[in-house]
Amino acid sequence: GTIIACASEERFTRNKNDMAYPKRAIEYCLEKGNINGSDLDVVAIA
């Protein structure tokens, strides 16, 4: 229930309103949480 990290892909690509899959943003969030993708319980997509 606590937000650990949040980032938009444009932060990493420097493309305003980037619509690319947020690969770098995901990597950033997992790194900040000190976890791997396999540690996740849920992936919610909007």
All heavy atoms as atom14 arrays in JSON, in Angstrom:
{
  "sequence": "GTIIACASEERFTRNKNDMAYPKRAIEYCLEKGNINGSDLDVVAIA",
  "atom14_mask": [
    [1, 1, 1, 1, 0, 0, 0, 0, 0, 0, 0, 0, 0, 0],
    [1, 1, 1, 1, 1, 1, 1, 0, 0, 0, 0, 0, 0, 0],
    [1, 1, 1, 1, 1, 1, 1, 1, 0, 0, 0, 0, 0, 0],
    [1, 1, 1, 1, 1, 1, 1, 1, 0, 0, 0, 0, 0, 0],
    [1, 1, 1, 1, 1, 0, 0, 0, 0, 0, 0, 0, 0, 0],
    [1, 1, 1, 1, 1, 1, 0, 0, 0, 0, 0, 0, 0, 0],
    [1, 1, 1, 1, 1, 0, 0, 0, 0, 0, 0, 0, 0, 0],
    [1, 1, 1, 1, 1, 1, 0, 0, 0, 0, 0, 0, 0, 0],
    [1, 1, 1, 1, 1, 1, 1, 1, 1, 0, 0, 0, 0, 0],
    [1, 1, 1, 1, 1, 1, 1, 1, 1, 0, 0, 0, 0, 0],
    [1, 1, 1, 1, 1, 1, 1, 1, 1, 1, 1, 0, 0, 0],
    [1, 1, 1, 1, 1, 1, 1, 1, 1, 1, 1, 0, 0, 0],
    [1, 1, 1, 1, 1, 1, 1, 0, 0, 0, 0, 0, 0, 0],
    [1, 1, 1, 1, 1, 1, 1, 1, 1, 1, 1, 0, 0, 0],
    [1, 1, 1, 1, 1, 1, 1, 1, 0, 0, 0, 0, 0, 0],
    [1, 1, 1, 1, 1, 1, 1, 1, 1, 0, 0, 0, 0, 0],
    [1, 1, 1, 1, 1, 1, 1, 1, 0, 0, 0, 0, 0, 0],
    [1, 1, 1, 1, 1, 1, 1, 1, 0, 0, 0, 0, 0, 0],
    [1, 1, 1, 1, 1, 1, 1, 1, 0, 0, 0, 0, 0, 0],
    [1, 1, 1, 1, 1, 0, 0, 0, 0, 0, 0, 0, 0, 0],
    [1, 1, 1, 1, 1, 1, 1, 1, 1, 1, 1, 1, 0, 0],
    [1, 1, 1, 1, 1, 1, 1, 0, 0, 0, 0, 0, 0, 0],
    [1, 1, 1, 1, 1, 1, 1, 1, 1, 0, 0, 0, 0, 0],
    [1, 1, 1, 1, 1, 1, 1, 1, 1, 1, 1, 0, 0, 0],
    [1, 1, 1, 1, 1, 0, 0, 0, 0, 0, 0, 0, 0, 0],
    [1, 1, 1, 1, 1, 1, 1, 1, 0, 0, 0, 0, 0, 0],
    [1, 1, 1, 1, 1, 1, 1, 1, 1, 0, 0, 0, 0, 0],
    [1, 1, 1, 1, 1, 1, 1, 1, 1, 1, 1, 1, 0, 0],
    [1, 1, 1, 1, 1, 1, 0, 0, 0, 0, 0, 0, 0, 0],
    [1, 1, 1, 1, 1, 1, 1, 1, 0, 0, 0, 0, 0, 0],
    [1, 1, 1, 1, 1, 1, 1, 1, 1, 0, 0, 0, 0, 0],
    [1, 1, 1, 1, 1, 1, 1, 1, 1, 0, 0, 0, 0, 0],
    [1, 1, 1, 1, 0, 0, 0, 0, 0, 0, 0, 0, 0, 0],
    [1, 1, 1, 1, 1, 1, 1, 1, 0, 0, 0, 0, 0, 0],
    [1, 1, 1, 1, 1, 1, 1, 1, 0, 0, 0, 0, 0, 0],
    [1, 1, 1, 1, 1, 1, 1, 1, 0, 0, 0, 0, 0, 0],
    [1, 1, 1, 1, 0, 0, 0, 0, 0, 0, 0, 0, 0, 0],
    [1, 1, 1, 1, 1, 1, 0, 0, 0, 0, 0, 0, 0, 0],
    [1, 1, 1, 1, 1, 1, 1, 1, 0, 0, 0, 0, 0, 0],
    [1, 1, 1, 1, 1, 1, 1, 1, 0, 0, 0, 0, 0, 0],
    [1, 1, 1, 1, 1, 1, 1, 1, 0, 0, 0, 0, 0, 0],
    [1, 1, 1, 1, 1, 1, 1, 0, 0, 0, 0, 0, 0, 0],
    [1, 1, 1, 1, 1, 1, 1, 0, 0, 0, 0, 0, 0, 0],
    [1, 1, 1, 1, 1, 0, 0, 0, 0, 0, 0, 0, 0, 0],
    [1, 1, 1, 1, 1, 1, 1, 1, 0, 0, 0, 0, 0, 0],
    [1, 1, 1, 1, 1, 0, 0, 0, 0, 0, 0, 0, 0, 0]
  ],
  "atom14_positions": [
    [[0.77, -1.22, 0.0], [0.0, 0.0, 0.0], [0.81, 1.28, 0.0], [0.25, 2.37, -0.01], [0.0, 0.0, 0.0], [0.0, 0.0, 0.0], [0.0, 0.0, 0.0], [0.0, 0.0, 0.0], [0.0, 0.0, 0.0], [0.0, 0.0, 0.0], [0.0, 0.0, 0.0], [0.0, 0.0, 0.0], [0.0, 0.0, 0.0], [0.0, 0.0, 0.0]],
    [[2.13, 1.16, -0.01], [3.0, 2.33, -0.04], [3.66, 2.44, -1.4], [4.25, 1.47, -1.88], [4.09, 2.24, 1.05], [3.44, 2.16, 2.32], [5.01, 3.44, 1.02], [0.0, 0.0, 0.0], [0.0, 0.0, 0.0], [0.0, 0.0, 0.0], [0.0, 0.0, 0.0], [0.0, 0.0, 0.0], [0.0, 0.0, 0.0], [0.0, 0.0, 0.0]],
    [[3.57, 3.6, -2.02], [4.23, 3.81, -3.32], [5.73, 3.93, -3.07], [6.18, 4.81, -2.34], [3.69, 5.05, -4.04], [2.21, 4.84, -4.36], [4.49, 5.32, -5.31], [1.52, 6.05, -4.91], [0.0, 0.0, 0.0], [0.0, 0.0, 0.0], [0.0, 0.0, 0.0], [0.0, 0.0, 0.0], [0.0, 0.0, 0.0], [0.0, 0.0, 0.0]],
    [[6.49, 3.05, -3.7], [7.94, 3.02, -3.56], [8.61, 3.83, -4.66], [9.59, 4.52, -4.43], [8.46, 1.56, -3.6], [7.79, 0.72, -2.52], [9.98, 1.51, -3.5], [7.98, 1.22, -1.11], [0.0, 0.0, 0.0], [0.0, 0.0, 0.0], [0.0, 0.0, 0.0], [0.0, 0.0, 0.0], [0.0, 0.0, 0.0], [0.0, 0.0, 0.0]],
    [[8.07, 3.73, -5.89], [8.67, 4.43, -7.02], [7.62, 4.62, -8.11], [6.69, 3.83, -8.23], [9.85, 3.65, -7.57], [0.0, 0.0, 0.0], [0.0, 0.0, 0.0], [0.0, 0.0, 0.0], [0.0, 0.0, 0.0], [0.0, 0.0, 0.0], [0.0, 0.0, 0.0], [0.0, 0.0, 0.0], [0.0, 0.0, 0.0], [0.0, 0.0, 0.0]],
    [[7.82, 5.67, -8.89], [6.96, 5.94, -10.04], [7.78, 6.76, -11.04], [8.44, 7.73, -10.64], [5.72, 6.71, -9.61], [4.59, 7.05, -10.96], [0.0, 0.0, 0.0], [0.0, 0.0, 0.0], [0.0, 0.0, 0.0], [0.0, 0.0, 0.0], [0.0, 0.0, 0.0], [0.0, 0.0, 0.0], [0.0, 0.0, 0.0], [0.0, 0.0, 0.0]],
    [[7.74, 6.36, -12.3], [8.5, 7.09, -13.32], [7.86, 6.9, -14.69], [7.34, 5.82, -14.99], [9.95, 6.61, -13.36], [0.0, 0.0, 0.0], [0.0, 0.0, 0.0], [0.0, 0.0, 0.0], [0.0, 0.0, 0.0], [0.0, 0.0, 0.0], [0.0, 0.0, 0.0], [0.0, 0.0, 0.0], [0.0, 0.0, 0.0], [0.0, 0.0, 0.0]],
    [[7.9, 7.93, -15.49], [7.43, 7.86, -16.87], [8.61, 7.55, -17.78], [9.74, 7.96, -17.51], [6.8, 9.19, -17.28], [5.64, 9.43, -16.51], [0.0, 0.0, 0.0], [0.0, 0.0, 0.0], [0.0, 0.0, 0.0], [0.0, 0.0, 0.0], [0.0, 0.0, 0.0], [0.0, 0.0, 0.0], [0.0, 0.0, 0.0], [0.0, 0.0, 0.0]],
    [[8.31, 6.84, -18.85], [9.37, 6.45, -19.79], [10.07, 7.66, -20.39], [11.26, 7.62, -20.67], [8.79, 5.55, -20.88], [9.82, 4.89, -21.76], [10.69, 3.85, -21.06], [10.45, 3.5, -19.9], [11.64, 3.37, -21.72], [0.0, 0.0, 0.0], [0.0, 0.0, 0.0], [0.0, 0.0, 0.0], [0.0, 0.0, 0.0], [0.0, 0.0, 0.0]],
    [[9.35, 8.77, -20.55], [9.96, 9.97, -21.14], [11.13, 10.49, -20.31], [12.01, 11.15, -20.84], [8.92, 11.07, -21.33], [8.47, 11.74, -20.06], [7.53, 12.92, -20.31], [6.98, 13.06, -21.42], [7.36, 13.71, -19.37], [0.0, 0.0, 0.0], [0.0, 0.0, 0.0], [0.0, 0.0, 0.0], [0.0, 0.0, 0.0], [0.0, 0.0, 0.0]],
    [[11.15, 10.17, -19.05], [12.27, 10.58, -18.19], [13.59, 9.98, -18.67], [14.64, 10.58, -18.55], [11.98, 10.14, -16.75], [13.1, 10.4, -15.8], [12.75, 9.93, -14.41], [13.88, 10.18, -13.54], [14.05, 9.59, -12.39], [13.18, 8.73, -11.95], [15.1, 9.87, -11.65], [0.0, 0.0, 0.0], [0.0, 0.0, 0.0], [0.0, 0.0, 0.0]],
    [[13.51, 8.79, -19.22], [14.71, 8.08, -19.64], [15.01, 8.27, -21.13], [16.17, 8.29, -21.53], [14.56, 6.59, -19.32], [14.23, 6.36, -17.88], [12.92, 6.16, -17.47], [15.23, 6.39, -16.92], [12.61, 5.98, -16.12], [14.93, 6.22, -15.57], [13.62, 6.01, -15.17], [0.0, 0.0, 0.0], [0.0, 0.0, 0.0], [0.0, 0.0, 0.0]],
    [[13.98, 8.41, -21.95], [14.19, 8.55, -23.4], [14.31, 10.01, -23.83], [14.79, 10.29, -24.92], [13.03, 7.92, -24.18], [11.82, 8.64, -23.9], [12.87, 6.44, -23.85], [0.0, 0.0, 0.0], [0.0, 0.0, 0.0], [0.0, 0.0, 0.0], [0.0, 0.0, 0.0], [0.0, 0.0, 0.0], [0.0, 0.0, 0.0], [0.0, 0.0, 0.0]],
    [[13.83, 10.91, -22.99], [13.8, 12.35, -23.29], [12.89, 12.68, -24.47], [13.03, 13.7, -25.11], [15.21, 12.9, -23.56], [16.16, 12.7, -22.41], [15.73, 13.54, -21.24], [16.75, 13.49, -20.19], [16.47, 13.45, -18.9], [15.23, 13.44, -18.51], [17.43, 13.41, -18.02], [0.0, 0.0, 0.0], [0.0, 0.0, 0.0], [0.0, 0.0, 0.0]],
    [[11.91, 11.78, -24.75], [10.9, 12.03, -25.77], [9.6, 12.41, -25.07], [8.99, 11.58, -24.38], [10.66, 10.77, -26.63], [11.86, 10.42, -27.45], [12.58, 11.28, -27.92], [12.11, 9.13, -27.62], [0.0, 0.0, 0.0], [0.0, 0.0, 0.0], [0.0, 0.0, 0.0], [0.0, 0.0, 0.0], [0.0, 0.0, 0.0], [0.0, 0.0, 0.0]],
    [[9.18, 13.65, -25.22], [7.97, 14.15, -24.56], [6.78, 13.25, -24.86], [6.54, 12.89, -26.01], [7.7, 15.58, -25.03], [6.57, 16.25, -24.33], [6.99, 16.68, -22.97], [5.89, 17.53, -22.35], [6.01, 17.65, -20.95], [0.0, 0.0, 0.0], [0.0, 0.0, 0.0], [0.0, 0.0, 0.0], [0.0, 0.0, 0.0], [0.0, 0.0, 0.0]],
    [[6.02, 12.88, -23.81], [4.84, 12.02, -23.93], [5.13, 10.7, -24.63], [4.33, 10.21, -25.42], [3.7, 12.75, -24.63], [3.19, 13.92, -23.83], [3.07, 13.84, -22.61], [2.92, 15.03, -24.49], [0.0, 0.0, 0.0], [0.0, 0.0, 0.0], [0.0, 0.0, 0.0], [0.0, 0.0, 0.0], [0.0, 0.0, 0.0], [0.0, 0.0, 0.0]],
    [[6.28, 10.12, -24.34], [6.7, 8.87, -24.98], [5.64, 7.79, -24.81], [5.13, 7.56, -23.72], [8.02, 8.4, -24.35], [8.74, 7.38, -25.2], [8.08, 6.67, -25.99], [9.97, 7.29, -25.08], [0.0, 0.0, 0.0], [0.0, 0.0, 0.0], [0.0, 0.0, 0.0], [0.0, 0.0, 0.0], [0.0, 0.0, 0.0], [0.0, 0.0, 0.0]],
    [[5.29, 7.13, -25.92], [4.28, 6.07, -25.91], [4.91, 4.68, -25.97], [4.19, 3.68, -26.06], [3.32, 6.26, -27.08], [2.47, 7.51, -26.95], [1.34, 7.75, -28.34], [0.23, 6.38, -28.12], [0.0, 0.0, 0.0], [0.0, 0.0, 0.0], [0.0, 0.0, 0.0], [0.0, 0.0, 0.0], [0.0, 0.0, 0.0], [0.0, 0.0, 0.0]],
    [[6.23, 4.6, -25.91], [6.91, 3.3, -25.98], [6.63, 2.49, -24.72], [6.29, 3.03, -23.67], [8.41, 3.51, -26.14], [0.0, 0.0, 0.0], [0.0, 0.0, 0.0], [0.0, 0.0, 0.0], [0.0, 0.0, 0.0], [0.0, 0.0, 0.0], [0.0, 0.0, 0.0], [0.0, 0.0, 0.0], [0.0, 0.0, 0.0], [0.0, 0.0, 0.0]],
    [[6.78, 1.17, -24.83], [6.64, 0.31, -23.66], [7.61, 0.81, -22.58], [8.78, 1.07, -22.88], [6.96, -1.14, -24.04], [6.82, -2.1, -22.91], [5.57, -2.51, -22.5], [7.93, -2.57, -22.23], [5.42, -3.38, -21.43], [7.8, -3.44, -21.17], [6.54, -3.85, -20.78], [6.41, -4.71, -19.72], [0.0, 0.0, 0.0], [0.0, 0.0, 0.0]],
    [[7.17, 0.94, -21.33], [8.0, 1.58, -20.3], [9.08, 0.68, -19.69], [9.19, 0.53, -18.47], [6.96, 1.99, -19.25], [5.9, 0.96, -19.37], [5.83, 0.65, -20.85], [0.0, 0.0, 0.0], [0.0, 0.0, 0.0], [0.0, 0.0, 0.0], [0.0, 0.0, 0.0], [0.0, 0.0, 0.0], [0.0, 0.0, 0.0], [0.0, 0.0, 0.0]],
    [[9.91, 0.11, -20.52], [10.96, -0.82, -20.07], [11.9, -0.17, -19.05], [12.15, -0.73, -17.98], [11.76, -1.32, -21.26], [12.88, -2.28, -20.9], [13.65, -2.7, -22.15], [14.7, -3.74, -21.89], [15.7, -3.4, -20.92], [0.0, 0.0, 0.0], [0.0, 0.0, 0.0], [0.0, 0.0, 0.0], [0.0, 0.0, 0.0], [0.0, 0.0, 0.0]],
    [[12.41, 1.0, -19.36], [13.35, 1.66, -18.45], [12.66, 2.12, -17.17], [13.25, 2.06, -16.08], [14.01, 2.84, -19.16], [14.94, 2.4, -20.29], [15.42, 3.64, -21.07], [15.96, 3.28, -22.36], [15.26, 3.18, -23.49], [13.97, 3.42, -23.49], [15.85, 2.85, -24.61], [0.0, 0.0, 0.0], [0.0, 0.0, 0.0], [0.0, 0.0, 0.0]],
    [[11.42, 2.55, -17.28], [10.67, 2.97, -16.09], [10.42, 1.77, -15.17], [10.52, 1.89, -13.95], [9.36, 3.62, -16.51], [0.0, 0.0, 0.0], [0.0, 0.0, 0.0], [0.0, 0.0, 0.0], [0.0, 0.0, 0.0], [0.0, 0.0, 0.0], [0.0, 0.0, 0.0], [0.0, 0.0, 0.0], [0.0, 0.0, 0.0], [0.0, 0.0, 0.0]],
    [[10.12, 0.62, -15.75], [9.94, -0.6, -14.96], [11.23, -0.98, -14.26], [11.24, -1.27, -13.06], [9.45, -1.76, -15.86], [8.03, -1.5, -16.36], [9.53, -3.1, -15.1], [7.57, -2.43, -17.45], [0.0, 0.0, 0.0], [0.0, 0.0, 0.0], [0.0, 0.0, 0.0], [0.0, 0.0, 0.0], [0.0, 0.0, 0.0], [0.0, 0.0, 0.0]],
    [[12.32, -0.96, -15.0], [13.62, -1.3, -14.41], [13.95, -0.36, -13.25], [14.44, -0.79, -12.21], [14.72, -1.24, -15.47], [14.61, -2.34, -16.49], [15.52, -2.15, -17.7], [16.07, -1.04, -17.88], [15.65, -3.11, -18.48], [0.0, 0.0, 0.0], [0.0, 0.0, 0.0], [0.0, 0.0, 0.0], [0.0, 0.0, 0.0], [0.0, 0.0, 0.0]],
    [[13.65, 0.92, -13.42], [13.89, 1.91, -12.37], [13.08, 1.57, -11.11], [13.61, 1.57, -10.0], [13.52, 3.31, -12.89], [13.49, 4.35, -11.82], [14.66, 4.98, -11.39], [12.28, 4.74, -11.24], [14.63, 5.95, -10.4], [12.24, 5.71, -10.25], [13.42, 6.31, -9.83], [13.38, 7.27, -8.86], [0.0, 0.0, 0.0], [0.0, 0.0, 0.0]],
    [[11.8, 1.28, -11.29], [10.94, 0.98, -10.15], [11.39, -0.28, -9.42], [11.43, -0.3, -8.18], [9.49, 0.83, -10.61], [8.73, 2.39, -11.12], [0.0, 0.0, 0.0], [0.0, 0.0, 0.0], [0.0, 0.0, 0.0], [0.0, 0.0, 0.0], [0.0, 0.0, 0.0], [0.0, 0.0, 0.0], [0.0, 0.0, 0.0], [0.0, 0.0, 0.0]],
    [[11.73, -1.31, -10.16], [12.19, -2.54, -9.53], [13.5, -2.31, -8.77], [13.69, -2.83, -7.67], [12.35, -3.65, -10.57], [11.06, -4.12, -11.24], [11.37, -5.17, -12.3], [10.06, -4.64, -10.23], [0.0, 0.0, 0.0], [0.0, 0.0, 0.0], [0.0, 0.0, 0.0], [0.0, 0.0, 0.0], [0.0, 0.0, 0.0], [0.0, 0.0, 0.0]],
    [[14.38, -1.53, -9.36], [15.65, -1.21, -8.7], [15.42, -0.44, -7.4], [16.02, -0.75, -6.37], [16.54, -0.41, -9.64], [17.9, -0.06, -9.04], [18.75, 0.75, -10.01], [18.79, 0.41, -11.2], [19.36, 1.73, -9.54], [0.0, 0.0, 0.0], [0.0, 0.0, 0.0], [0.0, 0.0, 0.0], [0.0, 0.0, 0.0], [0.0, 0.0, 0.0]],
    [[14.53, 0.56, -7.45], [14.23, 1.34, -6.24], [13.61, 0.47, -5.15], [13.83, 0.71, -3.97], [13.29, 2.5, -6.57], [13.96, 3.62, -7.31], [15.0, 4.28, -6.45], [15.73, 5.36, -7.19], [16.82, 5.93, -6.42], [0.0, 0.0, 0.0], [0.0, 0.0, 0.0], [0.0, 0.0, 0.0], [0.0, 0.0, 0.0], [0.0, 0.0, 0.0]],
    [[12.83, -0.52, -5.56], [12.22, -1.42, -4.59], [13.12, -2.57, -4.18], [12.76, -3.38, -3.34], [0.0, 0.0, 0.0], [0.0, 0.0, 0.0], [0.0, 0.0, 0.0], [0.0, 0.0, 0.0], [0.0, 0.0, 0.0], [0.0, 0.0, 0.0], [0.0, 0.0, 0.0], [0.0, 0.0, 0.0], [0.0, 0.0, 0.0], [0.0, 0.0, 0.0]],
    [[14.29, -2.65, -4.82], [15.26, -3.72, -4.55], [14.63, -5.1, -4.73], [14.8, -5.98, -3.87], [15.86, -3.56, -3.14], [17.12, -4.35, -2.98], [17.85, -4.58, -3.94], [17.39, -4.79, -1.76], [0.0, 0.0, 0.0], [0.0, 0.0, 0.0], [0.0, 0.0, 0.0], [0.0, 0.0, 0.0], [0.0, 0.0, 0.0], [0.0, 0.0, 0.0]],
    [[13.87, -5.25, -5.84], [13.23, -6.53, -6.13], [13.43, -6.89, -7.6], [13.82, -6.04, -8.42], [11.73, -6.52, -5.8], [10.97, -5.51, -6.68], [11.49, -6.25, -4.32], [9.48, -5.61, -6.54], [0.0, 0.0, 0.0], [0.0, 0.0, 0.0], [0.0, 0.0, 0.0], [0.0, 0.0, 0.0], [0.0, 0.0, 0.0], [0.0, 0.0, 0.0]],
    [[13.14, -8.15, -7.92], [13.15, -8.65, -9.3], [11.72, -8.78, -9.77], [10.79, -8.85, -8.96], [13.83, -10.02, -9.36], [15.27, -9.96, -8.98], [16.01, -9.11, -9.45], [15.68, -10.86, -8.09], [0.0, 0.0, 0.0], [0.0, 0.0, 0.0], [0.0, 0.0, 0.0], [0.0, 0.0, 0.0], [0.0, 0.0, 0.0], [0.0, 0.0, 0.0]],
    [[11.55, -8.9, -11.06], [10.22, -9.1, -11.62], [9.53, -10.33, -11.05], [8.32, -10.35, -10.86], [0.0, 0.0, 0.0], [0.0, 0.0, 0.0], [0.0, 0.0, 0.0], [0.0, 0.0, 0.0], [0.0, 0.0, 0.0], [0.0, 0.0, 0.0], [0.0, 0.0, 0.0], [0.0, 0.0, 0.0], [0.0, 0.0, 0.0], [0.0, 0.0, 0.0]],
    [[10.3, -11.36, -10.75], [9.72, -12.6, -10.22], [9.2, -12.43, -8.79], [8.45, -13.26, -8.29], [10.75, -13.73, -10.27], [11.88, -13.4, -9.47], [0.0, 0.0, 0.0], [0.0, 0.0, 0.0], [0.0, 0.0, 0.0], [0.0, 0.0, 0.0], [0.0, 0.0, 0.0], [0.0, 0.0, 0.0], [0.0, 0.0, 0.0], [0.0, 0.0, 0.0]],
    [[9.57, -11.33, -8.13], [9.09, -11.05, -6.77], [7.71, -10.4, -6.76], [7.08, -10.31, -5.71], [10.07, -10.1, -6.05], [11.44, -10.71, -5.84], [11.52, -11.94, -5.63], [12.43, -9.95, -5.88], [0.0, 0.0, 0.0], [0.0, 0.0, 0.0], [0.0, 0.0, 0.0], [0.0, 0.0, 0.0], [0.0, 0.0, 0.0], [0.0, 0.0, 0.0]],
    [[7.23, -9.94, -7.92], [5.95, -9.24, -7.99], [4.79, -10.2, -7.77], [4.81, -11.34, -8.22], [5.8, -8.57, -9.36], [6.77, -7.44, -9.66], [6.67, -7.04, -11.12], [6.51, -6.25, -8.75], [0.0, 0.0, 0.0], [0.0, 0.0, 0.0], [0.0, 0.0, 0.0], [0.0, 0.0, 0.0], [0.0, 0.0, 0.0], [0.0, 0.0, 0.0]],
    [[3.76, -9.71, -7.09], [2.53, -10.48, -6.9], [1.51, -10.18, -7.98], [0.74, -11.04, -8.38], [1.93, -10.15, -5.53], [2.83, -10.58, -4.39], [3.08, -11.79, -4.27], [3.32, -9.71, -3.65], [0.0, 0.0, 0.0], [0.0, 0.0, 0.0], [0.0, 0.0, 0.0], [0.0, 0.0, 0.0], [0.0, 0.0, 0.0], [0.0, 0.0, 0.0]],
    [[1.5, -8.93, -8.44], [0.51, -8.49, -9.42], [1.14, -7.46, -10.35], [1.94, -6.65, -9.92], [-0.71, -7.83, -8.71], [-1.68, -7.26, -9.71], [-1.4, -8.8, -7.78], [0.0, 0.0, 0.0], [0.0, 0.0, 0.0], [0.0, 0.0, 0.0], [0.0, 0.0, 0.0], [0.0, 0.0, 0.0], [0.0, 0.0, 0.0], [0.0, 0.0, 0.0]],
    [[0.74, -7.52, -11.62], [1.04, -6.44, -12.57], [-0.31, -5.92, -13.05], [-1.1, -6.67, -13.63], [1.89, -6.93, -13.76], [2.08, -5.8, -14.76], [3.23, -7.46, -13.28], [0.0, 0.0, 0.0], [0.0, 0.0, 0.0], [0.0, 0.0, 0.0], [0.0, 0.0, 0.0], [0.0, 0.0, 0.0], [0.0, 0.0, 0.0], [0.0, 0.0, 0.0]],
    [[-0.59, -4.66, -12.76], [-1.85, -4.03, -13.14], [-1.58, -3.1, -14.31], [-0.67, -2.28, -14.26], [-2.43, -3.25, -11.97], [0.0, 0.0, 0.0], [0.0, 0.0, 0.0], [0.0, 0.0, 0.0], [0.0, 0.0, 0.0], [0.0, 0.0, 0.0], [0.0, 0.0, 0.0], [0.0, 0.0, 0.0], [0.0, 0.0, 0.0], [0.0, 0.0, 0.0]],
    [[-2.39, -3.24, -15.38], [-2.18, -2.44, -16.58], [-3.4, -1.57, -16.84], [-4.52, -2.06, -16.89], [-1.92, -3.34, -17.81], [-0.69, -4.2, -17.58], [-1.78, -2.5, -19.07], [-0.45, -5.24, -18.65], [0.0, 0.0, 0.0], [0.0, 0.0, 0.0], [0.0, 0.0, 0.0], [0.0, 0.0, 0.0], [0.0, 0.0, 0.0], [0.0, 0.0, 0.0]],
    [[-3.15, -0.28, -16.99], [-4.2, 0.67, -17.36], [-3.92, 1.14, -18.78], [-2.8, 1.55, -19.09], [-4.19, 1.86, -16.41], [0.0, 0.0, 0.0], [0.0, 0.0, 0.0], [0.0, 0.0, 0.0], [0.0, 0.0, 0.0], [0.0, 0.0, 0.0], [0.0, 0.0, 0.0], [0.0, 0.0, 0.0], [0.0, 0.0, 0.0], [0.0, 0.0, 0.0]]
  ]
}
